N, C-alpha and C. Protein backbone atom coordinates (compact mmCIF):
# COMPACT_ATOMS: atom_id res chain seq x y z
N MET A 1 27.70 -95.97 153.36
CA MET A 1 27.78 -96.78 152.15
C MET A 1 26.59 -96.29 151.21
N ASP A 2 26.87 -96.33 149.90
CA ASP A 2 25.97 -96.02 148.91
C ASP A 2 24.70 -96.85 149.04
N PRO A 3 23.45 -96.28 149.02
CA PRO A 3 22.24 -97.14 149.17
C PRO A 3 22.20 -98.24 147.96
N LEU A 4 22.52 -97.80 146.78
CA LEU A 4 22.54 -98.74 145.61
C LEU A 4 23.60 -99.87 145.75
N ARG A 5 24.67 -99.49 146.31
CA ARG A 5 25.68 -100.58 146.79
C ARG A 5 25.03 -101.50 147.78
N GLU A 6 24.38 -101.08 148.67
CA GLU A 6 23.85 -101.84 149.67
C GLU A 6 22.82 -102.73 149.16
N TYR A 7 22.02 -102.30 148.29
CA TYR A 7 20.97 -102.97 147.51
C TYR A 7 21.62 -103.93 146.63
N ALA A 8 22.79 -103.85 146.00
CA ALA A 8 23.46 -104.66 145.13
C ALA A 8 23.89 -105.88 146.03
N GLN A 9 24.46 -105.59 147.19
CA GLN A 9 24.93 -106.70 148.10
C GLN A 9 23.65 -107.49 148.54
N PHE A 10 22.64 -106.84 148.93
CA PHE A 10 21.39 -107.50 149.49
C PHE A 10 20.94 -108.43 148.31
N TRP A 11 20.88 -107.91 147.04
CA TRP A 11 20.41 -108.70 145.91
C TRP A 11 21.28 -109.85 145.64
N ILE A 12 22.67 -109.80 145.80
CA ILE A 12 23.42 -110.98 145.64
C ILE A 12 23.06 -111.92 146.65
N GLU A 13 23.00 -111.52 147.89
CA GLU A 13 22.68 -112.41 149.04
C GLU A 13 21.44 -113.24 148.88
N GLY A 14 20.40 -112.39 148.36
CA GLY A 14 19.10 -113.11 148.31
C GLY A 14 18.55 -113.73 147.03
N THR A 15 19.51 -113.56 145.89
CA THR A 15 19.04 -114.05 144.56
C THR A 15 19.73 -115.48 144.37
N ALA A 16 19.09 -116.34 143.68
CA ALA A 16 19.54 -117.62 143.40
C ALA A 16 20.52 -117.57 142.26
N LEU A 17 21.52 -116.78 142.40
CA LEU A 17 22.69 -116.81 141.39
C LEU A 17 23.43 -118.17 141.38
N GLN A 18 23.46 -118.72 140.23
CA GLN A 18 24.46 -119.91 140.10
C GLN A 18 24.76 -120.02 138.66
N LEU A 19 25.97 -120.66 138.44
CA LEU A 19 26.34 -120.99 137.21
C LEU A 19 26.14 -122.47 136.82
N GLY A 20 25.80 -122.80 135.57
CA GLY A 20 25.68 -124.10 135.18
C GLY A 20 24.28 -124.69 134.80
N HIS A 21 23.33 -123.93 135.34
CA HIS A 21 21.88 -124.44 134.92
C HIS A 21 21.56 -123.88 133.50
N PRO A 22 20.79 -124.64 132.97
CA PRO A 22 20.44 -124.19 131.50
C PRO A 22 20.20 -122.77 131.41
N ASN A 23 20.73 -121.96 130.39
CA ASN A 23 20.41 -120.63 130.29
C ASN A 23 20.71 -119.65 131.32
N TRP A 24 21.62 -120.07 132.30
CA TRP A 24 22.13 -119.18 133.31
C TRP A 24 22.52 -117.78 132.95
N HIS A 25 23.19 -117.74 131.94
CA HIS A 25 23.89 -116.42 131.56
C HIS A 25 22.67 -115.46 130.96
N GLU A 26 21.93 -115.91 130.23
CA GLU A 26 20.77 -115.05 129.78
C GLU A 26 19.83 -114.64 130.87
N LEU A 27 19.52 -115.65 131.82
CA LEU A 27 18.62 -115.39 132.99
C LEU A 27 19.33 -114.27 133.86
N HIS A 28 20.60 -114.40 134.33
CA HIS A 28 21.17 -113.43 135.10
C HIS A 28 21.25 -112.03 134.43
N ARG A 29 21.68 -112.09 133.13
CA ARG A 29 21.81 -110.87 132.44
C ARG A 29 20.47 -110.16 132.30
N TYR A 30 19.38 -110.94 132.21
CA TYR A 30 18.06 -110.28 132.17
C TYR A 30 17.65 -109.68 133.47
N TRP A 31 17.79 -110.47 134.60
CA TRP A 31 17.54 -109.90 135.91
C TRP A 31 18.34 -108.49 136.06
N ILE A 32 19.64 -108.65 135.87
CA ILE A 32 20.33 -107.35 136.07
C ILE A 32 19.97 -106.27 135.18
N SER A 33 19.70 -106.56 133.93
CA SER A 33 19.23 -105.33 132.98
C SER A 33 17.98 -104.82 133.43
N ASN A 34 17.07 -105.63 133.97
CA ASN A 34 15.87 -105.18 134.38
C ASN A 34 15.99 -104.25 135.62
N ILE A 35 16.82 -104.48 136.47
CA ILE A 35 17.17 -103.76 137.55
C ILE A 35 17.72 -102.38 137.12
N GLU A 36 18.80 -102.69 136.43
CA GLU A 36 19.56 -101.43 135.87
C GLU A 36 18.72 -100.56 135.20
N SER A 37 17.67 -100.98 134.41
CA SER A 37 16.82 -99.92 133.83
C SER A 37 15.99 -99.02 134.74
N GLY A 38 15.68 -99.61 135.98
CA GLY A 38 15.00 -98.86 137.06
C GLY A 38 15.85 -98.19 137.90
N ARG A 39 17.08 -98.66 137.99
CA ARG A 39 18.11 -98.11 139.11
C ARG A 39 19.43 -98.00 138.29
N PRO A 40 19.57 -96.93 137.46
CA PRO A 40 20.88 -96.76 136.79
C PRO A 40 22.10 -96.76 137.69
N GLY A 41 23.06 -97.50 137.31
CA GLY A 41 24.22 -97.69 138.03
C GLY A 41 24.23 -99.02 138.90
N PHE A 42 23.21 -99.73 138.76
CA PHE A 42 23.01 -101.01 139.58
C PHE A 42 24.14 -101.96 139.21
N ALA A 43 24.35 -102.13 137.95
CA ALA A 43 25.37 -103.04 137.43
C ALA A 43 26.77 -102.74 137.88
N ALA A 44 27.19 -101.39 137.95
CA ALA A 44 28.57 -101.07 138.53
C ALA A 44 28.64 -101.39 139.88
N GLN A 45 27.56 -101.10 140.77
CA GLN A 45 27.66 -101.42 142.15
C GLN A 45 27.46 -102.87 142.50
N LEU A 46 26.77 -103.57 141.50
CA LEU A 46 26.76 -105.11 141.80
C LEU A 46 28.19 -105.58 141.51
N ARG A 47 28.97 -105.13 140.53
CA ARG A 47 30.32 -105.51 140.33
C ARG A 47 31.13 -105.33 141.63
N LEU A 48 30.96 -104.14 142.25
CA LEU A 48 31.81 -103.69 143.37
C LEU A 48 31.39 -104.56 144.51
N ALA A 49 30.12 -104.80 144.82
CA ALA A 49 29.62 -105.72 145.95
C ALA A 49 30.10 -106.96 145.67
N ALA A 50 30.08 -107.57 144.52
CA ALA A 50 30.56 -108.91 144.26
C ALA A 50 32.04 -109.17 144.57
N ARG A 51 32.90 -108.01 144.21
CA ARG A 51 34.25 -108.10 144.44
C ARG A 51 34.41 -108.02 146.15
N ASP A 52 33.59 -107.27 146.61
CA ASP A 52 33.82 -107.31 148.29
C ASP A 52 33.39 -108.66 148.85
N LEU A 53 32.38 -109.38 148.24
CA LEU A 53 32.03 -110.60 148.93
C LEU A 53 32.97 -111.76 148.53
N LEU A 54 33.77 -111.51 147.43
CA LEU A 54 34.80 -112.47 147.11
C LEU A 54 35.95 -112.48 148.15
N GLU A 55 36.05 -111.31 148.83
CA GLU A 55 37.02 -111.33 149.81
C GLU A 55 36.66 -111.77 151.24
N GLY A 56 35.39 -112.01 151.32
CA GLY A 56 34.74 -112.55 152.65
C GLY A 56 35.15 -113.99 152.85
N GLU A 57 34.58 -114.64 153.90
CA GLU A 57 34.78 -115.93 154.21
C GLU A 57 33.74 -116.85 153.86
N SER A 58 32.55 -116.31 153.32
CA SER A 58 31.41 -117.23 153.03
C SER A 58 31.54 -117.73 151.74
N TYR A 59 31.59 -119.14 151.59
CA TYR A 59 31.74 -119.89 150.42
C TYR A 59 30.52 -119.66 149.54
N GLY A 60 29.29 -119.72 150.18
CA GLY A 60 28.13 -119.51 149.39
C GLY A 60 27.88 -118.20 148.69
N LEU A 61 28.27 -117.09 149.48
CA LEU A 61 28.19 -115.79 148.96
C LEU A 61 29.26 -115.48 147.86
N ALA A 62 30.42 -116.19 147.96
CA ALA A 62 31.44 -116.11 147.06
C ALA A 62 31.01 -116.65 145.60
N VAL A 63 30.35 -117.83 145.66
CA VAL A 63 29.87 -118.43 144.61
C VAL A 63 28.88 -117.57 143.92
N LYS A 64 27.94 -117.02 144.63
CA LYS A 64 26.98 -116.07 143.98
C LYS A 64 27.72 -114.79 143.39
N ALA A 65 28.63 -114.22 144.17
CA ALA A 65 29.31 -113.14 143.67
C ALA A 65 30.19 -113.47 142.37
N ILE A 66 30.61 -114.71 142.26
CA ILE A 66 31.21 -115.08 141.03
C ILE A 66 30.33 -115.22 139.82
N ALA A 67 29.03 -115.71 140.16
CA ALA A 67 28.07 -115.64 139.10
C ALA A 67 27.68 -114.38 138.64
N ALA A 68 27.62 -113.33 139.60
CA ALA A 68 27.18 -112.03 139.32
C ALA A 68 28.44 -111.45 138.34
N LEU A 69 29.65 -111.65 138.66
CA LEU A 69 30.87 -111.13 137.87
C LEU A 69 30.87 -111.68 136.48
N ALA A 70 30.45 -113.02 136.39
CA ALA A 70 30.33 -113.53 135.03
C ALA A 70 29.62 -112.64 134.16
N VAL A 71 28.49 -111.97 134.65
CA VAL A 71 27.74 -111.02 133.84
C VAL A 71 28.24 -109.55 133.73
N VAL A 72 28.59 -109.07 134.83
CA VAL A 72 29.02 -107.69 135.03
C VAL A 72 30.41 -107.37 135.18
N GLY A 73 31.28 -108.38 135.28
CA GLY A 73 32.70 -108.27 135.56
C GLY A 73 33.45 -107.85 134.36
N ASP A 74 34.62 -107.29 134.50
CA ASP A 74 35.50 -106.90 133.48
C ASP A 74 36.86 -107.43 133.66
N GLY A 75 37.86 -107.14 132.89
CA GLY A 75 39.07 -107.72 132.99
C GLY A 75 39.85 -107.34 134.25
N GLU A 76 39.52 -106.21 134.89
CA GLU A 76 40.03 -106.06 136.26
C GLU A 76 39.70 -106.98 137.31
N ASP A 77 38.69 -107.77 137.11
CA ASP A 77 38.15 -108.68 138.17
C ASP A 77 38.72 -110.05 137.96
N VAL A 78 39.39 -110.41 136.83
CA VAL A 78 40.07 -111.59 136.68
C VAL A 78 40.98 -112.06 137.79
N VAL A 79 41.82 -111.08 138.39
CA VAL A 79 42.80 -111.39 139.45
C VAL A 79 41.97 -111.87 140.69
N SER A 80 40.79 -111.08 140.94
CA SER A 80 40.07 -111.31 142.19
C SER A 80 39.40 -112.82 142.04
N LEU A 81 38.97 -113.02 140.77
CA LEU A 81 38.36 -114.41 140.53
C LEU A 81 39.42 -115.54 140.57
N ARG A 82 40.60 -115.32 140.08
CA ARG A 82 41.58 -116.31 140.29
C ARG A 82 42.03 -116.54 141.80
N ALA A 83 42.02 -115.43 142.63
CA ALA A 83 42.40 -115.60 143.97
C ALA A 83 41.38 -116.29 144.71
N ALA A 84 39.94 -116.08 144.37
CA ALA A 84 38.81 -116.77 144.96
C ALA A 84 38.90 -118.26 144.54
N ALA A 85 39.28 -118.59 143.38
CA ALA A 85 39.36 -119.94 142.90
C ALA A 85 40.53 -120.68 143.70
N GLU A 86 41.55 -120.17 143.94
CA GLU A 86 42.44 -120.83 144.75
C GLU A 86 42.06 -120.86 146.31
N ARG A 87 41.56 -119.87 146.77
CA ARG A 87 41.22 -119.75 148.17
C ARG A 87 39.92 -120.79 148.55
N PHE A 88 39.10 -120.81 147.62
CA PHE A 88 37.71 -121.62 147.89
C PHE A 88 37.78 -122.99 147.35
N GLY A 89 38.58 -123.19 146.11
CA GLY A 89 38.80 -124.40 145.60
C GLY A 89 37.36 -125.04 145.03
N SER A 90 37.31 -126.22 144.72
CA SER A 90 36.17 -127.05 144.36
C SER A 90 35.20 -126.33 143.34
N GLU A 91 33.96 -126.38 143.69
CA GLU A 91 32.96 -125.78 142.78
C GLU A 91 33.20 -124.38 142.56
N ALA A 92 33.71 -123.65 143.65
CA ALA A 92 34.02 -122.22 143.39
C ALA A 92 35.03 -121.98 142.30
N ALA A 93 35.96 -122.84 142.30
CA ALA A 93 37.01 -122.65 141.30
C ALA A 93 36.48 -122.83 139.93
N LYS A 94 35.71 -123.92 139.78
CA LYS A 94 35.02 -124.14 138.33
C LYS A 94 34.22 -122.76 137.96
N ALA A 95 33.55 -122.23 138.93
CA ALA A 95 32.65 -121.28 138.65
C ALA A 95 33.43 -120.02 138.28
N ALA A 96 34.66 -119.80 139.02
CA ALA A 96 35.48 -118.68 138.90
C ALA A 96 36.04 -118.69 137.52
N TYR A 97 36.54 -119.97 136.95
CA TYR A 97 37.14 -120.09 135.66
C TYR A 97 36.00 -119.88 134.54
N THR A 98 34.75 -120.28 134.83
CA THR A 98 33.75 -120.02 133.93
C THR A 98 33.42 -118.49 133.83
N ALA A 99 33.45 -117.72 134.94
CA ALA A 99 33.25 -116.37 134.89
C ALA A 99 34.39 -115.55 134.21
N ILE A 100 35.59 -116.01 134.41
CA ILE A 100 36.88 -115.58 133.69
C ILE A 100 36.67 -115.80 132.17
N PHE A 101 36.14 -116.91 131.78
CA PHE A 101 35.90 -117.26 130.33
C PHE A 101 34.79 -116.33 129.77
N GLU A 102 33.74 -116.15 130.49
CA GLU A 102 32.72 -115.33 130.04
C GLU A 102 33.34 -113.74 129.91
N ILE A 103 33.99 -113.44 130.86
CA ILE A 103 34.61 -112.05 130.86
C ILE A 103 35.47 -111.83 129.80
N GLU A 104 36.43 -112.75 129.45
CA GLU A 104 37.40 -112.66 128.35
C GLU A 104 36.75 -112.80 127.00
N HIS A 105 35.71 -113.67 126.93
CA HIS A 105 35.02 -113.55 125.56
C HIS A 105 34.07 -112.48 125.27
N ARG A 106 33.54 -111.79 126.27
CA ARG A 106 32.74 -110.64 126.20
C ARG A 106 33.66 -109.45 125.81
N ALA A 107 34.94 -109.35 126.42
CA ALA A 107 35.88 -108.34 125.98
C ALA A 107 36.27 -108.49 124.57
N ARG A 108 36.51 -109.70 124.02
CA ARG A 108 36.84 -109.86 122.67
C ARG A 108 35.69 -109.65 121.74
N ALA A 109 34.52 -109.78 122.14
CA ALA A 109 33.39 -109.43 121.25
C ALA A 109 33.11 -108.02 121.09
N SER A 110 33.56 -107.24 121.99
CA SER A 110 33.21 -105.85 121.94
C SER A 110 34.29 -105.04 121.30
């Protein structure tokens, strides 16, 4: 596996990513852009690692992956987010639909 991809997965697992707290989007975007500036390609690998974690069984990691995708995800990730919302339900579903909203509105703005 690519070392940057491993780092991205490790980062998701160890970072307090969560949606809903004040300024969550700006904070996550700031963290990710800081790492990206020192490790080009991090955001792309973060997106892939997050998608992998969505397919796993861990509810906690899925919620963190959803939060990461809210910042770095794109239209291709919407299907995975909808599937995670159905599979995990509850708060994960709310987070997944928030991430989808962020992705869709970011795509419209660009």
